[in-house]
Amino acid sequence: MSRIGKKPVPLPNGVTAIVANGTVSVKGPKGELKLALVPEIEASLGDDGVTLTPRPNMERGRAMWGMQRTLVNNLVVGVSQGFTERLDINGVGYRAAVAGKNLQLNLGFSHDVAYPIPEGITIVCERPTAITISGSNKQLVGQVAAEIRSYRPPEPYKGKGVKYASEKIRRKEGKKK
């Protein structure tokens, strides 16, 4: 039994949900998101929010129950508060700037890297070495942060590269004389 799946997803003020044909649509101040549920899960709308239940006699439904409830909760949080991810850039001459619909990254290559900003994502550079990625879709925010980090992941000797703000880099000792 899923302990997470048993709990209904509460809908805060200003957020409305529609459940139809195995799809949950959530609308709020930050936009509208949809999720197609797996066929083994049923959703219903009640006074306490969106409740998900597995269909009877389906083992996969019980396995997917908690995950589907978490995905619906991510929709509700996304359209009401949104998600943010922060990246830090370490290295001499490494910097980032938003230019139109692209993020320009100077990461020590012979050329600048131009990353096109996807629809529904806002990128802000408070400092040339700090990037803030925000949006209502948690999966998309995380994917954009991972793609930007993948251009120059942090290396363990000097710590140069693009890292998550909360990430700790395990440093290695350099070579001895």
Protein backbone atom coordinates (compact mmCIF):
# COMPACT_ATOMS: atom_id res chain seq x y z
CA MET A 1 0.00 0.00 0.00
CA SER A 2 1.27 3.43 -0.88
CA ARG A 3 1.24 5.83 2.05
CA ILE A 4 1.85 8.78 -0.26
CA GLY A 5 -0.83 7.70 -2.73
CA LYS A 6 -3.52 7.52 -0.05
CA LYS A 7 -3.32 11.25 0.66
CA PRO A 8 -5.39 13.54 -1.56
CA VAL A 9 -3.62 16.38 -3.37
CA PRO A 10 -4.93 19.64 -1.83
CA LEU A 11 -5.82 22.48 -4.17
CA PRO A 12 -4.79 25.93 -2.84
CA ASN A 13 -6.83 29.06 -3.50
CA GLY A 14 -6.74 30.15 -7.13
CA VAL A 15 -5.98 26.66 -8.46
CA THR A 16 -8.61 24.61 -10.29
CA ALA A 17 -8.36 21.02 -11.47
CA ILE A 18 -10.30 19.06 -14.10
CA VAL A 19 -10.25 15.26 -14.26
CA ALA A 20 -11.46 13.73 -17.54
CA ASN A 21 -10.58 10.63 -19.61
CA GLY A 22 -7.54 9.69 -17.52
CA THR A 23 -6.08 13.19 -17.77
CA VAL A 24 -5.63 15.70 -14.96
CA SER A 25 -5.55 19.38 -15.99
CA VAL A 26 -4.53 21.96 -13.41
CA LYS A 27 -4.89 25.71 -13.93
CA GLY A 28 -3.45 28.40 -11.68
CA PRO A 29 -1.83 31.84 -11.63
CA LYS A 30 1.42 30.57 -13.21
CA GLY A 31 -0.20 28.74 -16.14
CA GLU A 32 -1.86 25.47 -17.03
CA LEU A 33 -0.37 21.95 -16.95
CA LYS A 34 -1.75 18.55 -17.96
CA LEU A 35 -0.83 14.99 -17.02
CA ALA A 36 -2.01 11.79 -18.67
CA LEU A 37 -2.31 9.18 -15.92
CA VAL A 38 -1.33 5.57 -16.48
CA PRO A 39 -4.41 3.42 -17.28
CA GLU A 40 -4.13 1.52 -13.98
CA ILE A 41 -4.82 4.67 -11.90
CA GLU A 42 -8.16 6.44 -11.49
CA ALA A 43 -8.46 10.07 -10.40
CA SER A 44 -11.44 11.81 -8.86
CA LEU A 45 -12.07 15.37 -7.77
CA GLY A 46 -13.48 15.93 -4.28
CA ASP A 47 -13.82 18.62 -1.64
CA ASP A 48 -10.37 17.86 -0.23
CA GLY A 49 -8.62 17.89 -3.64
CA VAL A 50 -7.63 15.33 -6.25
CA THR A 51 -7.71 11.73 -5.01
CA LEU A 52 -5.96 8.92 -6.88
CA THR A 53 -6.77 5.23 -6.47
CA PRO A 54 -5.38 2.14 -8.19
CA ARG A 55 -7.81 0.00 -10.19
CA PRO A 56 -8.55 -3.31 -8.45
CA ASN A 57 -6.61 -6.49 -9.28
CA MET A 58 -3.82 -4.62 -11.08
CA GLU A 59 -0.38 -5.01 -9.54
CA ARG A 60 1.18 -2.26 -11.68
CA GLY A 61 -1.48 0.18 -10.46
CA ARG A 62 -0.32 -0.25 -6.88
CA ALA A 63 3.29 0.22 -8.01
CA MET A 64 2.51 3.45 -9.89
CA TRP A 65 0.09 4.88 -7.31
CA GLY A 66 2.52 6.99 -5.26
CA MET A 67 4.43 8.25 -8.28
CA GLN A 68 1.27 9.41 -10.06
CA ARG A 69 0.11 11.21 -6.92
CA THR A 70 3.49 12.98 -6.68
CA LEU A 71 3.29 14.01 -10.36
CA VAL A 72 -0.18 15.51 -9.79
CA ASN A 73 1.15 17.31 -6.70
CA ASN A 74 4.03 18.71 -8.81
CA LEU A 75 1.43 20.10 -11.25
CA VAL A 76 -0.41 21.86 -8.41
CA VAL A 77 2.77 23.28 -6.87
CA GLY A 78 4.03 24.33 -10.32
CA VAL A 79 0.96 26.37 -11.28
CA SER A 80 0.67 27.94 -7.81
CA GLN A 81 4.31 28.60 -6.74
CA GLY A 82 6.60 27.42 -9.54
CA PHE A 83 10.00 25.75 -9.33
CA THR A 84 13.49 27.25 -9.35
CA GLU A 85 16.96 25.79 -9.78
CA ARG A 86 20.18 27.73 -9.17
CA LEU A 87 23.49 27.11 -10.90
CA ASP A 88 26.90 28.53 -9.97
CA ILE A 89 29.81 28.95 -12.39
CA ASN A 90 33.39 28.63 -11.09
CA GLY A 91 36.47 29.31 -13.18
CA VAL A 92 38.60 32.16 -14.47
CA GLY A 93 36.78 33.87 -17.33
CA TYR A 94 33.71 31.62 -17.04
CA ARG A 95 30.46 33.60 -17.18
CA ALA A 96 26.90 33.60 -18.44
CA ALA A 97 24.51 36.21 -19.81
CA VAL A 98 21.01 36.18 -21.26
CA ALA A 99 20.93 37.57 -24.81
CA GLY A 100 17.42 37.60 -26.26
CA LYS A 101 16.08 34.04 -26.35
CA ASN A 102 19.52 32.48 -25.78
CA LEU A 103 21.77 31.95 -22.80
CA GLN A 104 25.36 32.82 -23.76
CA LEU A 105 27.92 30.77 -21.82
CA ASN A 106 31.67 31.46 -21.78
CA LEU A 107 33.08 28.21 -20.40
CA GLY A 108 36.66 28.18 -21.61
CA PHE A 109 35.96 26.78 -25.06
CA SER A 110 37.24 28.44 -28.24
CA HIS A 111 33.68 29.67 -28.86
CA ASP A 112 30.73 30.81 -26.76
CA VAL A 113 27.99 28.27 -26.14
CA ALA A 114 24.51 29.57 -27.06
CA TYR A 115 21.79 27.63 -25.24
CA PRO A 116 18.26 28.32 -26.61
CA ILE A 117 15.83 28.97 -23.74
CA PRO A 118 12.78 26.66 -24.08
CA GLU A 119 9.18 27.87 -23.96
CA GLY A 120 7.84 28.15 -20.40
CA ILE A 121 11.27 28.65 -18.80
CA THR A 122 12.74 31.93 -17.58
CA ILE A 123 16.47 32.26 -17.00
CA VAL A 124 17.94 35.15 -15.02
CA CYS A 125 21.63 35.90 -14.43
CA GLU A 126 21.88 37.99 -11.23
CA ARG A 127 25.67 37.92 -11.51
CA PRO A 128 27.79 36.69 -14.42
CA THR A 129 28.55 33.56 -12.35
CA ALA A 130 25.02 32.79 -11.07
CA ILE A 131 22.12 31.44 -13.13
CA THR A 132 18.54 31.06 -11.87
CA ILE A 133 16.20 28.82 -13.88
CA SER A 134 12.48 29.00 -13.07
CA GLY A 135 9.25 27.66 -14.50
CA SER A 136 6.03 25.84 -13.65
CA ASN A 137 7.06 22.40 -15.01
CA LYS A 138 9.41 20.68 -12.54
CA GLN A 139 10.68 18.16 -15.08
CA LEU A 140 11.51 20.86 -17.64
CA VAL A 141 13.28 23.07 -15.07
CA GLY A 142 15.45 20.15 -13.97
CA GLN A 143 16.16 19.11 -17.55
CA VAL A 144 17.29 22.62 -18.55
CA ALA A 145 19.54 22.84 -15.47
CA ALA A 146 21.08 19.45 -16.26
CA GLU A 147 21.71 20.39 -19.91
CA ILE A 148 23.42 23.66 -18.95
CA ARG A 149 25.53 21.84 -16.34
CA SER A 150 26.51 19.19 -18.89
CA TYR A 151 28.40 21.72 -21.03
CA ARG A 152 31.13 21.94 -18.37
CA PRO A 153 30.50 19.76 -15.29
CA PRO A 154 32.62 20.61 -12.25
CA GLU A 155 36.00 18.91 -12.14
CA PRO A 156 37.39 17.55 -8.85
CA TYR A 157 40.83 19.21 -8.81
CA LYS A 158 40.10 22.95 -8.95
CA GLY A 159 36.29 22.84 -8.89
CA LYS A 160 35.99 24.65 -12.21
CA GLY A 161 32.75 24.29 -14.15
CA VAL A 162 28.99 24.67 -13.77
CA LYS A 163 27.47 23.20 -10.61
CA TYR A 164 24.16 23.26 -8.79
CA ALA A 165 24.15 25.83 -5.97
CA SER A 166 23.44 23.13 -3.40
CA GLU A 167 26.01 20.67 -4.82
CA LYS A 168 29.18 19.84 -2.91
CA ILE A 169 32.21 19.03 -5.06
CA ARG A 170 34.47 16.34 -3.63
CA ARG A 171 37.93 17.69 -4.21
CA LYS A 172 40.94 15.52 -5.04
CA GLU A 173 44.51 16.22 -4.09
CA GLY A 174 46.79 17.24 -6.95
CA LYS A 175 49.95 15.40 -7.91
CA LYS A 176 52.90 15.46 -5.53
CA LYS A 177 56.43 16.64 -6.26
